[in-house]
PDB file of N, CA and C in Angstrom:
ATOM      1  N   MET A   1      29.395  -2.075   6.371  1.00  0.00           N
ATOM      2  CA  MET A   1      27.863  -3.695   5.771  1.00  0.00           C
ATOM      3  C   MET A   1      27.031  -3.642   7.097  1.00  0.00           C
ATOM      4  N   PHE A   2      27.315  -3.104   8.329  1.00  0.00           N
ATOM      5  CA  PHE A   2      26.208  -3.655   9.235  1.00  0.00           C
ATOM      6  C   PHE A   2      24.598  -1.811   9.255  1.00  0.00           C
ATOM      7  N   ARG A   3      26.374  -0.662   9.046  1.00  0.00           N
ATOM      8  CA  ARG A   3      25.295   0.513   8.340  1.00  0.00           C
ATOM      9  C   ARG A   3      23.922   0.126   6.983  1.00  0.00           C
ATOM     10  N   LYS A   4      24.670  -0.651   5.876  1.00  0.00           N
ATOM     11  CA  LYS A   4      23.696  -0.845   4.797  1.00  0.00           C
ATOM     12  C   LYS A   4      22.441  -1.951   5.384  1.00  0.00           C
ATOM     13  N   GLN A   5      23.164  -2.861   6.642  1.00  0.00           N
ATOM     14  CA  GLN A   5      21.836  -3.377   6.929  1.00  0.00           C
ATOM     15  C   GLN A   5      20.265  -2.750   7.357  1.00  0.00           C
ATOM     16  N   LYS A   6      20.657  -2.139   8.411  1.00  0.00           N
ATOM     17  CA  LYS A   6      20.248  -1.590   9.077  1.00  0.00           C
ATOM     18  C   LYS A   6      19.612  -0.262   8.257  1.00  0.00           C
ATOM     19  N   LEU A   7      20.460   0.602   7.491  1.00  0.00           N
ATOM     20  CA  LEU A   7      19.313   1.869   6.233  1.00  0.00           C
ATOM     21  C   LEU A   7      18.452   0.331   5.812  1.00  0.00           C
ATOM     22  N   ARG A   8      18.653  -1.016   5.729  1.00  0.00           N
ATOM     23  CA  ARG A   8      17.741  -1.796   4.885  1.00  0.00           C
ATOM     24  C   ARG A   8      16.521  -2.194   5.602  1.00  0.00           C
ATOM     25  N   LYS A   9      17.021  -2.254   7.096  1.00  0.00           N
ATOM     26  CA  LYS A   9      15.807  -2.676   7.873  1.00  0.00           C
ATOM     27  C   LYS A   9      14.153  -1.881   8.261  1.00  0.00           C
ATOM     28  N   GLU A  10      15.473  -0.162   7.979  1.00  0.00           N
ATOM     29  CA  GLU A  10      14.795   0.524   8.404  1.00  0.00           C
ATOM     30  C   GLU A  10      13.580   0.989   7.068  1.00  0.00           C
ATOM     31  N   PHE A  11      13.874   1.480   5.906  1.00  0.00           N
ATOM     32  CA  PHE A  11      13.298   1.647   4.593  1.00  0.00           C
ATOM     33  C   PHE A  11      12.347   0.579   4.839  1.00  0.00           C
ATOM     34  N   ASP A  12      12.746  -1.068   4.777  1.00  0.00           N
ATOM     35  CA  ASP A  12      12.170  -1.897   5.198  1.00  0.00           C
ATOM     36  C   ASP A  12      10.504  -2.234   6.192  1.00  0.00           C
ATOM     37  N   HIS A  13      10.876  -1.092   7.300  1.00  0.00           N
ATOM     38  CA  HIS A  13       9.803  -0.622   7.875  1.00  0.00           C
ATOM     39  C   HIS A  13       8.865   0.604   7.734  1.00  0.00           C
ATOM     40  N   ARG A  14       9.851   1.159   6.967  1.00  0.00           N
ATOM     41  CA  ARG A  14       8.734   2.158   5.795  1.00  0.00           C
ATOM     42  C   ARG A  14       7.789   1.874   4.880  1.00  0.00           C
ATOM     43  N   LEU A  15       8.578   0.460   4.718  1.00  0.00           N
ATOM     44  CA  LEU A  15       7.272   0.361   2.761  1.00  0.00           C
ATOM     45  C   LEU A  15       6.073  -0.774   3.421  1.00  0.00           C
ATOM     46  N   ILE A  16       6.122  -1.096   4.907  1.00  0.00           N
ATOM     47  CA  ILE A  16       5.248  -1.915   5.629  1.00  0.00           C
ATOM     48  C   ILE A  16       4.521  -0.992   5.584  1.00  0.00           C
ATOM     49  N   ASP A  17       4.472   0.018   6.456  1.00  0.00           N
ATOM     50  CA  ASP A  17       3.832   1.780   6.560  1.00  0.00           C
ATOM     51  C   ASP A  17       3.107   1.647   5.848  1.00  0.00           C
ATOM     52  N   LEU A  18       3.617   2.296   4.761  1.00  0.00           N
ATOM     53  CA  LEU A  18       3.622   3.037   3.871  1.00  0.00           C
ATOM     54  C   LEU A  18       2.413   2.595   2.785  1.00  0.00           C
ATOM     55  N   MET A  19       2.565   0.718   3.138  1.00  0.00           N
ATOM     56  CA  MET A  19       1.830  -0.437   2.321  1.00  0.00           C
ATOM     57  C   MET A  19      -0.119  -0.225   3.292  1.00  0.00           C
ATOM     58  N   GLY A  20       0.870  -0.256   4.395  1.00  0.00           N
ATOM     59  CA  GLY A  20      -0.763  -0.508   5.564  1.00  0.00           C
ATOM     60  C   GLY A  20      -1.345   0.860   5.225  1.00  0.00           C
ATOM     61  N   ASN A  21      -0.820   2.111   4.888  1.00  0.00           N
ATOM     62  CA  ASN A  21      -2.015   3.419   4.565  1.00  0.00           C
ATOM     63  C   ASN A  21      -2.509   3.208   2.999  1.00  0.00           C
ATOM     64  N   ILE A  22      -1.600   2.412   2.400  1.00  0.00           N
ATOM     65  CA  ILE A  22      -2.497   2.740   1.228  1.00  0.00           C
ATOM     66  C   ILE A  22      -3.214   2.173   1.059  1.00  0.00           C
ATOM     67  N   LYS A  23      -3.204   0.453   1.630  1.00  0.00           N
ATOM     68  CA  LYS A  23      -4.532  -0.908   1.865  1.00  0.00           C
ATOM     69  C   LYS A  23      -5.618  -0.314   2.791  1.00  0.00           C
ATOM     70  N   LYS A  24      -5.576   0.853   3.726  1.00  0.00           N
ATOM     71  CA  LYS A  24      -6.588   1.727   4.556  1.00  0.00           C
ATOM     72  C   LYS A  24      -6.810   2.671   3.774  1.00  0.00           C
ATOM     73  N   ASP A  25      -7.050   3.430   2.587  1.00  0.00           N
ATOM     74  CA  ASP A  25      -6.538   4.581   1.826  1.00  0.00           C
ATOM     75  C   ASP A  25      -7.578   3.702   1.506  1.00  0.00           C
ATOM     76  N   TRP A  26      -7.423   2.735   0.251  1.00  0.00           N
ATOM     77  CA  TRP A  26      -7.701   2.092  -1.168  1.00  0.00           C
ATOM     78  C   TRP A  26      -9.630   1.039  -0.752  1.00  0.00           C
ATOM     79  N   ASP A  27      -8.940   0.561   0.905  1.00  0.00           N
ATOM     80  CA  ASP A  27     -10.497  -0.010   1.142  1.00  0.00           C
ATOM     81  C   ASP A  27     -11.475   1.392   1.486  1.00  0.00           C
ATOM     82  N   GLN A  28     -11.185   2.309   2.182  1.00  0.00           N
ATOM     83  CA  GLN A  28     -12.384   3.287   2.224  1.00  0.00           C
ATOM     84  C   GLN A  28     -12.774   3.966   1.273  1.00  0.00           C
ATOM     85  N   LYS A  29     -11.722   4.119   0.271  1.00  0.00           N
ATOM     86  CA  LYS A  29     -12.795   4.390  -1.462  1.00  0.00           C
ATOM     87  C   LYS A  29     -13.412   3.081  -1.719  1.00  0.00           C
ATOM     88  N   SER A  30     -13.235   2.470  -1.914  1.00  0.00           N
ATOM     89  CA  SER A  30     -13.826   0.838  -2.294  1.00  0.00           C
ATOM     90  C   SER A  30     -14.862   0.883  -1.084  1.00  0.00           C
ATOM     91  N   GLU A  31     -15.536   1.246  -0.194  1.00  0.00           N
ATOM     92  CA  GLU A  31     -16.163   1.116   0.480  1.00  0.00           C
ATOM     93  C   GLU A  31     -17.057   2.199  -0.062  1.00  0.00           C
ATOM     94  N   MET A  32     -16.667   3.681  -0.362  1.00  0.00           N
ATOM     95  CA  MET A  32     -17.756   4.711  -0.219  1.00  0.00           C
ATOM     96  C   MET A  32     -18.179   4.587  -2.063  1.00  0.00           C
ATOM     97  N   LEU A  33     -16.846   3.984  -2.764  1.00  0.00           N
ATOM     98  CA  LEU A  33     -18.000   3.620  -3.922  1.00  0.00           C
ATOM     99  C   LEU A  33     -18.988   2.648  -4.040  1.00  0.00           C
ATOM    100  N   ARG A  34     -18.558   2.057  -2.803  1.00  0.00           N
ATOM    101  CA  ARG A  34     -20.008   0.475  -2.674  1.00  0.00           C
ATOM    102  C   ARG A  34     -21.560   1.702  -2.438  1.00  0.00           C
ATOM    103  N   MET A  35     -21.031   2.135  -1.652  1.00  0.00           N
ATOM    104  CA  MET A  35     -22.247   2.667  -0.641  1.00  0.00           C
ATOM    105  C   MET A  35     -22.613   4.028  -1.024  1.00  0.00           C
ATOM    106  N   SER A  36     -21.909   5.106  -2.905  1.00  0.00           N
ATOM    107  CA  SER A  36     -22.802   5.650  -2.920  1.00  0.00           C
ATOM    108  C   SER A  36     -24.067   5.398  -3.970  1.00  0.00           C
ATOM    109  N   TYR A  37     -24.628   6.344  -3.874  1.00  0.00           N
ATOM    110  CA  TYR A  37     -25.756   6.038  -5.151  1.00  0.00           C
ATOM    111  C   TYR A  37     -25.780   5.939  -6.340  1.00  0.00           C
ATOM    112  N   GLU A  38     -24.903   7.557  -6.950  1.00  0.00           N
ATOM    113  CA  GLU A  38     -24.411   7.215  -8.329  1.00  0.00           C
ATOM    114  C   GLU A  38     -22.729   7.101  -8.464  1.00  0.00           C
ATOM    115  N   PRO A  39     -22.247   6.229  -8.344  1.00  0.00           N
ATOM    116  CA  PRO A  39     -20.367   6.293  -7.864  1.00  0.00           C
ATOM    117  C   PRO A  39     -20.268   7.447  -8.859  1.00  0.00           C
ATOM    118  N   ASP A  40     -19.120   8.145  -8.387  1.00  0.00           N
ATOM    119  CA  ASP A  40     -18.547   9.354  -8.995  1.00  0.00           C
ATOM    120  C   ASP A  40     -17.175   9.036  -9.841  1.00  0.00           C
ATOM    121  N   ASP A  41     -16.719   9.133 -11.056  1.00  0.00           N
ATOM    122  CA  ASP A  41     -15.779   8.792 -11.736  1.00  0.00           C
ATOM    123  C   ASP A  41     -14.438   9.372 -11.311  1.00  0.00           C
ATOM    124  N   GLU A  42     -14.586  10.696 -10.654  1.00  0.00           N
ATOM    125  CA  GLU A  42     -13.403  10.644  -9.841  1.00  0.00           C
ATOM    126  C   GLU A  42     -12.886  10.363  -9.376  1.00  0.00           C
ATOM    127  N   LEU A  43     -14.039   9.378  -8.029  1.00  0.00           N
ATOM    128  CA  LEU A  43     -13.663   8.461  -6.773  1.00  0.00           C
ATOM    129  C   LEU A  43     -13.216   7.336  -7.382  1.00  0.00           C
ATOM    130  N   LYS A  44     -13.867   6.899  -8.203  1.00  0.00           N
ATOM    131  CA  LYS A  44     -13.390   5.401  -9.501  1.00  0.00           C
ATOM    132  C   LYS A  44     -12.181   5.710  -9.758  1.00  0.00           C
ATOM    133  N   TYR A  45     -11.164   6.665 -10.192  1.00  0.00           N
ATOM    134  CA  TYR A  45     -10.600   7.085 -10.238  1.00  0.00           C
ATOM    135  C   TYR A  45      -9.501   6.743  -8.893  1.00  0.00           C
ATOM    136  N   ARG A  46      -9.758   7.486  -8.403  1.00  0.00           N
ATOM    137  CA  ARG A  46      -8.956   7.687  -7.226  1.00  0.00           C
ATOM    138  C   ARG A  46      -8.651   6.469  -6.522  1.00  0.00           C
ATOM    139  N   MET A  47     -10.051   5.736  -6.495  1.00  0.00           N
ATOM    140  CA  MET A  47      -9.798   4.304  -5.980  1.00  0.00           C
ATOM    141  C   MET A  47      -9.157   2.869  -6.492  1.00  0.00           C
ATOM    142  N   GLN A  48      -8.735   2.984  -8.066  1.00  0.00           N
ATOM    143  CA  GLN A  48      -8.332   2.786  -9.112  1.00  0.00           C
ATOM    144  C   GLN A  48      -6.547   2.791  -8.772  1.00  0.00           C
ATOM    145  N   LEU A  49      -6.473   4.110  -8.476  1.00  0.00           N
ATOM    146  CA  LEU A  49      -4.961   5.333  -8.132  1.00  0.00           C
ATOM    147  C   LEU A  49      -4.555   4.159  -6.407  1.00  0.00           C
ATOM    148  N   SER A  50      -5.242   4.210  -6.018  1.00  0.00           N
ATOM    149  CA  SER A  50      -4.414   3.392  -4.540  1.00  0.00           C
ATOM    150  C   SER A  50      -4.416   2.201  -4.709  1.00  0.00           C
ATOM    151  N   LYS A  51      -5.122   1.639  -5.570  1.00  0.00           N
ATOM    152  CA  LYS A  51      -5.081  -0.393  -5.779  1.00  0.00           C
ATOM    153  C   LYS A  51      -3.629  -0.444  -6.309  1.00  0.00           C
ATOM    154  N   ALA A  52      -3.056   0.837  -7.672  1.00  0.00           N
ATOM    155  CA  ALA A  52      -2.298   0.632  -8.576  1.00  0.00           C
ATOM    156  C   ALA A  52      -1.510   0.825  -7.710  1.00  0.00           C
ATOM    157  N   LYS A  53      -1.116   1.705  -6.572  1.00  0.00           N
ATOM    158  CA  LYS A  53      -0.266   2.111  -5.690  1.00  0.00           C
ATOM    159  C   LYS A  53      -0.268   0.938  -4.562  1.00  0.00           C
ATOM    160  N   TYR A  54      -0.682   0.226  -3.728  1.00  0.00           N
ATOM    161  CA  TYR A  54      -0.793  -0.703  -3.335  1.00  0.00           C
ATOM    162  C   TYR A  54       0.023  -2.021  -3.576  1.00  0.00           C
ATOM    163  N   VAL A  55      -0.397  -2.748  -5.503  1.00  0.00           N
ATOM    164  CA  VAL A  55      -0.471  -3.496  -6.126  1.00  0.00           C
ATOM    165  C   VAL A  55       0.993  -3.223  -6.087  1.00  0.00           C
ATOM    166  N   PHE A  56       2.253  -2.122  -6.414  1.00  0.00           N
ATOM    167  CA  PHE A  56       3.261  -1.286  -6.889  1.00  0.00           C
ATOM    168  C   PHE A  56       3.633  -1.941  -5.661  1.00  0.00           C
ATOM    169  N   LEU A  57       2.775  -1.207  -4.404  1.00  0.00           N
ATOM    170  CA  LEU A  57       4.045  -1.950  -2.987  1.00  0.00           C
ATOM    171  C   LEU A  57       4.946  -3.137  -2.475  1.00  0.00           C
ATOM    172  N   PHE A  58       2.970  -3.847  -3.227  1.00  0.00           N
ATOM    173  CA  PHE A  58       3.310  -5.293  -2.791  1.00  0.00           C
ATOM    174  C   PHE A  58       4.214  -6.230  -3.265  1.00  0.00           C
ATOM    175  N   LYS A  59       4.255  -5.626  -4.793  1.00  0.00           N
ATOM    176  CA  LYS A  59       5.543  -6.575  -5.140  1.00  0.00           C
ATOM    177  C   LYS A  59       6.736  -6.262  -5.105  1.00  0.00           C
ATOM    178  N   GLU A  60       7.370  -4.683  -5.108  1.00  0.00           N
ATOM    179  CA  GLU A  60       8.579  -4.067  -4.356  1.00  0.00           C
ATOM    180  C   GLU A  60       8.736  -5.789  -2.849  1.00  0.00           C
ATOM    181  N   ALA A  61       7.652  -5.317  -2.087  1.00  0.00           N
ATOM    182  CA  ALA A  61       7.601  -6.242  -1.296  1.00  0.00           C
ATOM    183  C   ALA A  61       7.558  -7.527  -0.898  1.00  0.00           C
ATOM    184  N   LYS A  62       7.656  -8.113  -2.108  1.00  0.00           N
ATOM    185  CA  LYS A  62       7.604  -9.521  -2.425  1.00  0.00           C
ATOM    186  C   LYS A  62       8.909  -9.849  -3.050  1.00  0.00           C
ATOM    187  N   LYS A  63       9.437  -8.877  -3.450  1.00  0.00           N
ATOM    188  CA  LYS A  63      10.667  -8.455  -4.740  1.00  0.00           C
ATOM    189  C   LYS A  63      12.007  -8.475  -3.279  1.00  0.00           C
ATOM    190  N   ARG A  64      11.498  -7.811  -2.700  1.00  0.00           N
ATOM    191  CA  ARG A  64      12.750  -7.860  -1.201  1.00  0.00           C
ATOM    192  C   ARG A  64      12.601  -8.674  -0.386  1.00  0.00           C
ATOM    193  N   LYS A  65      11.784  -9.927  -0.191  1.00  0.00           N
ATOM    194  CA  LYS A  65      11.238 -11.062   0.189  1.00  0.00           C
ATOM    195  C   LYS A  65      10.619 -10.030   1.699  1.00  0.00           C
ATOM    196  N   LEU A  66       9.853 -10.111   2.053  1.00  0.00           N
ATOM    197  CA  LEU A  66       9.966  -9.143   3.361  1.00  0.00           C
ATOM    198  C   LEU A  66       8.478  -9.713   3.613  1.00  0.00           C
ATOM    199  N   SER A  67       8.482 -10.412   5.090  1.00  0.00           N
ATOM    200  CA  SER A  67       7.116 -10.531   5.708  1.00  0.00           C
ATOM    201  C   SER A  67       6.437  -9.564   6.358  1.00  0.00           C
ATOM    202  N   ILE A  68       5.438  -8.966   7.140  1.00  0.00           N
ATOM    203  CA  ILE A  68       4.791  -8.667   7.825  1.00  0.00           C
ATOM    204  C   ILE A  68       5.410  -8.988   9.294  1.00  0.00           C
ATOM    205  N   LYS A  69       4.639 -10.593   9.708  1.00  0.00           N
ATOM    206  CA  LYS A  69       5.889 -11.826  10.208  1.00  0.00           C
ATOM    207  C   LYS A  69       6.968 -11.005  10.944  1.00  0.00           C
ATOM    208  N   ASP A  70       7.428 -10.753  10.238  1.00  0.00           N
ATOM    209  CA  ASP A  70       9.290 -10.888  11.496  1.00  0.00           C
ATOM    210  C   ASP A  70       8.671  -9.113  11.151  1.00  0.00           C
ATOM    211  N   GLN A  71       7.969  -8.167  11.155  1.00  0.00           N
ATOM    212  CA  GLN A  71       8.138  -6.844  11.664  1.00  0.00           C
ATOM    213  C   GLN A  71       7.765  -7.167  13.138  1.00  0.00           C
TER     214      GLN A  71
END
């Protein structure tokens, strides 16, 4: 039982770290898109992909009842 809790905690930390990285990527692409004179379609798609990844991870974190404050 202890091993299961330890693994869950480890993967919860990984999930939160991954969420932070994906959020940073999404913000970066959004800022690039906002600052560009002629928005590139590929950049739009990459930004939307980053957003979709973040939303997916956010839903998973919510399902696991994770809180960043606990970390």
